[in-house]
Amino acid sequence: MRWRRRTAVGAVTALVLAACTSASGSDSGETAAGPPVPDRVFETFEGGELSLPELSGEPLVVNFWASWCPPCVAEMPDFERVHLDRADEVRFVGLNTQDTREQAESLAAQTGVTYLLGLDPDGALARDFEVISMPSTYFVDADGAIVHRHAGLLTEQQLRDLIDEHLVDA
């Protein structure tokens, strides 16, 4: 009986720690050029098809989000502000994962997001990126290499700082 209680307490503690990491955000610590972005085609909100390697030549901020994720919803207006301010330096791509098109489009309209948005309805692209929590943001250099990743919510200032550190002033 005592073993079961300890196991249950350990499992609950692990879940709480994982949730706190997701909510507060954590960086992987990766700063050097890493693996290339996965080459998987996704549908854009406009109805076309695209893959991230097609966008090479300019730095990218790739953000995985979902309507059922409160931190995702909270950070979207900050991402939009930074996108509007830094569009000449960095391209933003928001990839909605595991929502219906209607849910994704509704949230995008509600938050006023105007940067490039794509659909990942079955989570295949998120798996390719090895997304472990939502939201997750990847910083990709102009050569198409993932140079940094952040798991969890990003504020406007944190996003600006990470762009400066990993993409613009790098």
Protein backbone atom coordinates (compact mmCIF):
# COMPACT_ATOMS: atom_id res chain seq x y z
CA MET A 1 0.00 0.00 0.00
CA ARG A 2 2.78 2.40 0.93
CA TRP A 3 4.58 1.66 -2.39
CA ARG A 4 1.43 2.55 -4.37
CA ARG A 5 1.05 5.83 -2.48
CA ARG A 6 4.69 6.78 -3.15
CA THR A 7 4.31 5.86 -6.83
CA ALA A 8 1.15 7.94 -7.12
CA VAL A 9 2.79 10.91 -5.38
CA GLY A 10 5.81 10.58 -7.67
CA ALA A 11 3.62 10.50 -10.77
CA VAL A 12 1.65 13.55 -9.64
CA THR A 13 4.87 15.43 -8.86
CA ALA A 14 6.24 14.64 -12.32
CA LEU A 15 3.03 15.88 -13.95
CA VAL A 16 3.07 19.11 -11.94
CA LEU A 17 6.71 19.75 -12.87
CA ALA A 18 5.96 19.10 -16.55
CA ALA A 19 2.98 21.47 -16.46
CA CYS A 20 5.04 24.19 -14.78
CA THR A 21 7.77 23.82 -17.38
CA SER A 22 5.16 24.14 -20.12
CA ALA A 23 3.50 27.15 -18.55
CA SER A 24 6.66 29.05 -17.66
CA GLY A 25 8.62 28.01 -20.71
CA SER A 26 12.00 26.40 -21.06
CA ASP A 27 14.75 26.74 -23.55
CA SER A 28 16.59 23.77 -24.90
CA GLY A 29 19.88 25.60 -24.64
CA GLU A 30 20.63 24.98 -28.30
CA THR A 31 22.50 27.90 -29.77
CA ALA A 32 24.53 26.47 -32.64
CA ALA A 33 23.04 25.56 -36.01
CA GLY A 34 21.09 22.41 -35.54
CA PRO A 35 19.14 20.08 -37.77
CA PRO A 36 17.35 21.33 -40.86
CA VAL A 37 13.65 22.09 -40.61
CA PRO A 38 11.58 19.04 -41.52
CA ASP A 39 10.54 18.90 -45.16
CA ARG A 40 6.83 18.14 -44.81
CA VAL A 41 4.15 19.85 -46.88
CA PHE A 42 1.35 21.57 -44.98
CA GLU A 43 -1.78 23.42 -46.05
CA THR A 44 -1.84 27.18 -45.47
CA PHE A 45 -4.93 28.98 -44.24
CA GLU A 46 -5.22 30.47 -47.73
CA GLY A 47 -5.59 26.96 -49.16
CA GLY A 48 -2.19 26.55 -50.81
CA GLU A 49 0.52 24.06 -49.91
CA LEU A 50 3.96 24.91 -48.58
CA SER A 51 6.94 23.38 -46.83
CA LEU A 52 9.30 25.25 -44.51
CA PRO A 53 12.43 24.55 -46.62
CA GLU A 54 10.71 26.56 -49.38
CA LEU A 55 11.08 29.61 -47.11
CA SER A 56 14.86 29.30 -46.77
CA GLY A 57 16.78 32.47 -47.42
CA GLU A 58 15.25 34.35 -44.52
CA PRO A 59 15.19 33.65 -40.78
CA LEU A 60 11.98 32.08 -39.46
CA VAL A 61 10.11 32.00 -36.19
CA VAL A 62 7.99 28.84 -36.30
CA ASN A 63 5.33 28.62 -33.60
CA PHE A 64 3.17 25.56 -32.89
CA TRP A 65 -0.18 26.47 -31.34
CA ALA A 66 -3.67 25.10 -30.75
CA SER A 67 -7.04 26.55 -29.78
CA TRP A 68 -7.26 24.25 -26.75
CA CYS A 69 -3.96 25.60 -25.33
CA PRO A 70 -4.42 28.67 -23.06
CA PRO A 71 -0.73 29.73 -23.20
CA CYS A 72 -0.89 29.53 -27.02
CA VAL A 73 -3.88 31.85 -27.08
CA ALA A 74 -2.21 34.21 -24.60
CA GLU A 75 0.98 34.64 -26.63
CA MET A 76 -0.59 35.10 -30.07
CA PRO A 77 -1.17 38.89 -29.76
CA ASP A 78 2.47 39.32 -28.68
CA PHE A 79 3.63 37.31 -31.70
CA GLU A 80 1.50 39.50 -33.95
CA ARG A 81 3.01 42.71 -32.51
CA VAL A 82 6.56 41.44 -33.00
CA HIS A 83 5.68 40.17 -36.49
CA LEU A 84 4.38 43.60 -37.50
CA ASP A 85 7.46 45.31 -36.08
CA ARG A 86 10.13 42.88 -37.37
CA ALA A 87 8.62 41.59 -40.66
CA ASP A 88 11.51 43.05 -42.65
CA GLU A 89 14.00 40.92 -40.65
CA VAL A 90 12.21 37.70 -39.74
CA ARG A 91 9.30 35.73 -41.17
CA PHE A 92 6.71 34.28 -38.80
CA VAL A 93 4.95 30.98 -39.40
CA GLY A 94 2.21 29.74 -37.08
CA LEU A 95 1.37 26.05 -37.33
CA ASN A 96 -1.91 25.00 -35.80
CA THR A 97 -1.83 21.43 -34.62
CA GLN A 98 -4.63 19.00 -33.88
CA ASP A 99 -7.55 21.39 -34.39
CA THR A 100 -10.19 21.48 -37.05
CA ARG A 101 -9.79 24.17 -39.71
CA GLU A 102 -12.80 25.97 -38.22
CA GLN A 103 -11.31 26.04 -34.71
CA ALA A 104 -7.96 27.27 -36.02
CA GLU A 105 -9.43 29.97 -38.25
CA SER A 106 -11.74 31.16 -35.50
CA LEU A 107 -8.88 31.64 -33.05
CA ALA A 108 -6.70 33.35 -35.66
CA ALA A 109 -9.53 35.79 -36.40
CA GLN A 110 -10.18 36.36 -32.69
CA THR A 111 -6.52 37.16 -31.97
CA GLY A 112 -5.98 39.20 -35.14
CA VAL A 113 -2.97 37.20 -36.31
CA THR A 114 -1.90 38.12 -39.86
CA TYR A 115 1.37 36.22 -40.33
CA LEU A 116 1.56 33.01 -42.38
CA LEU A 117 -0.57 30.28 -40.81
CA GLY A 118 -0.64 26.60 -41.63
CA LEU A 119 -2.53 23.50 -40.58
CA ASP A 120 -1.11 20.38 -38.96
CA PRO A 121 -4.39 18.58 -38.20
CA ASP A 122 -2.93 15.19 -37.32
CA GLY A 123 0.19 16.53 -35.56
CA ALA A 124 2.63 14.99 -38.08
CA LEU A 125 4.68 18.17 -38.46
CA ALA A 126 4.72 18.67 -34.68
CA ARG A 127 6.08 15.12 -34.34
CA ASP A 128 8.72 15.87 -37.00
CA PHE A 129 9.82 18.87 -34.91
CA GLU A 130 9.68 16.75 -31.75
CA VAL A 131 7.31 19.19 -30.06
CA ILE A 132 7.00 18.17 -26.42
CA SER A 133 4.72 20.89 -25.06
CA MET A 134 2.42 23.58 -26.31
CA PRO A 135 3.15 26.20 -27.35
CA SER A 136 6.59 25.51 -28.85
CA THR A 137 8.60 28.00 -30.86
CA TYR A 138 11.53 27.25 -33.15
CA PHE A 139 14.07 29.77 -34.42
CA VAL A 140 15.37 28.86 -37.88
CA ASP A 141 18.31 30.58 -39.58
CA ALA A 142 18.29 31.72 -43.21
CA ASP A 143 19.92 28.43 -44.23
CA GLY A 144 16.97 26.46 -42.85
CA ALA A 145 18.69 25.12 -39.70
CA ILE A 146 16.94 25.09 -36.33
CA VAL A 147 19.20 27.20 -34.12
CA HIS A 148 17.05 27.42 -30.99
CA ARG A 149 13.79 26.14 -29.55
CA HIS A 150 11.61 27.31 -26.72
CA ALA A 151 8.91 25.23 -25.03
CA GLY A 152 6.15 27.22 -23.38
CA LEU A 153 4.70 30.71 -23.43
CA LEU A 154 6.78 33.61 -24.75
CA THR A 155 6.11 37.23 -23.90
CA GLU A 156 6.66 39.98 -26.43
CA GLN A 157 9.96 40.99 -24.84
CA GLN A 158 11.22 37.41 -24.58
CA LEU A 159 10.38 36.86 -28.25
CA ARG A 160 12.23 40.04 -29.27
CA ASP A 161 15.26 39.03 -27.18
CA LEU A 162 15.39 35.51 -28.67
CA ILE A 163 15.12 36.88 -32.22
CA ASP A 164 18.00 39.25 -31.52
CA GLU A 165 20.08 36.54 -29.87
CA HIS A 166 19.53 33.74 -32.37
CA LEU A 167 18.50 35.23 -35.69
CA VAL A 168 19.26 38.91 -36.21
CA ASP A 169 22.35 39.73 -34.16
CA ALA A 170 23.70 36.18 -34.22
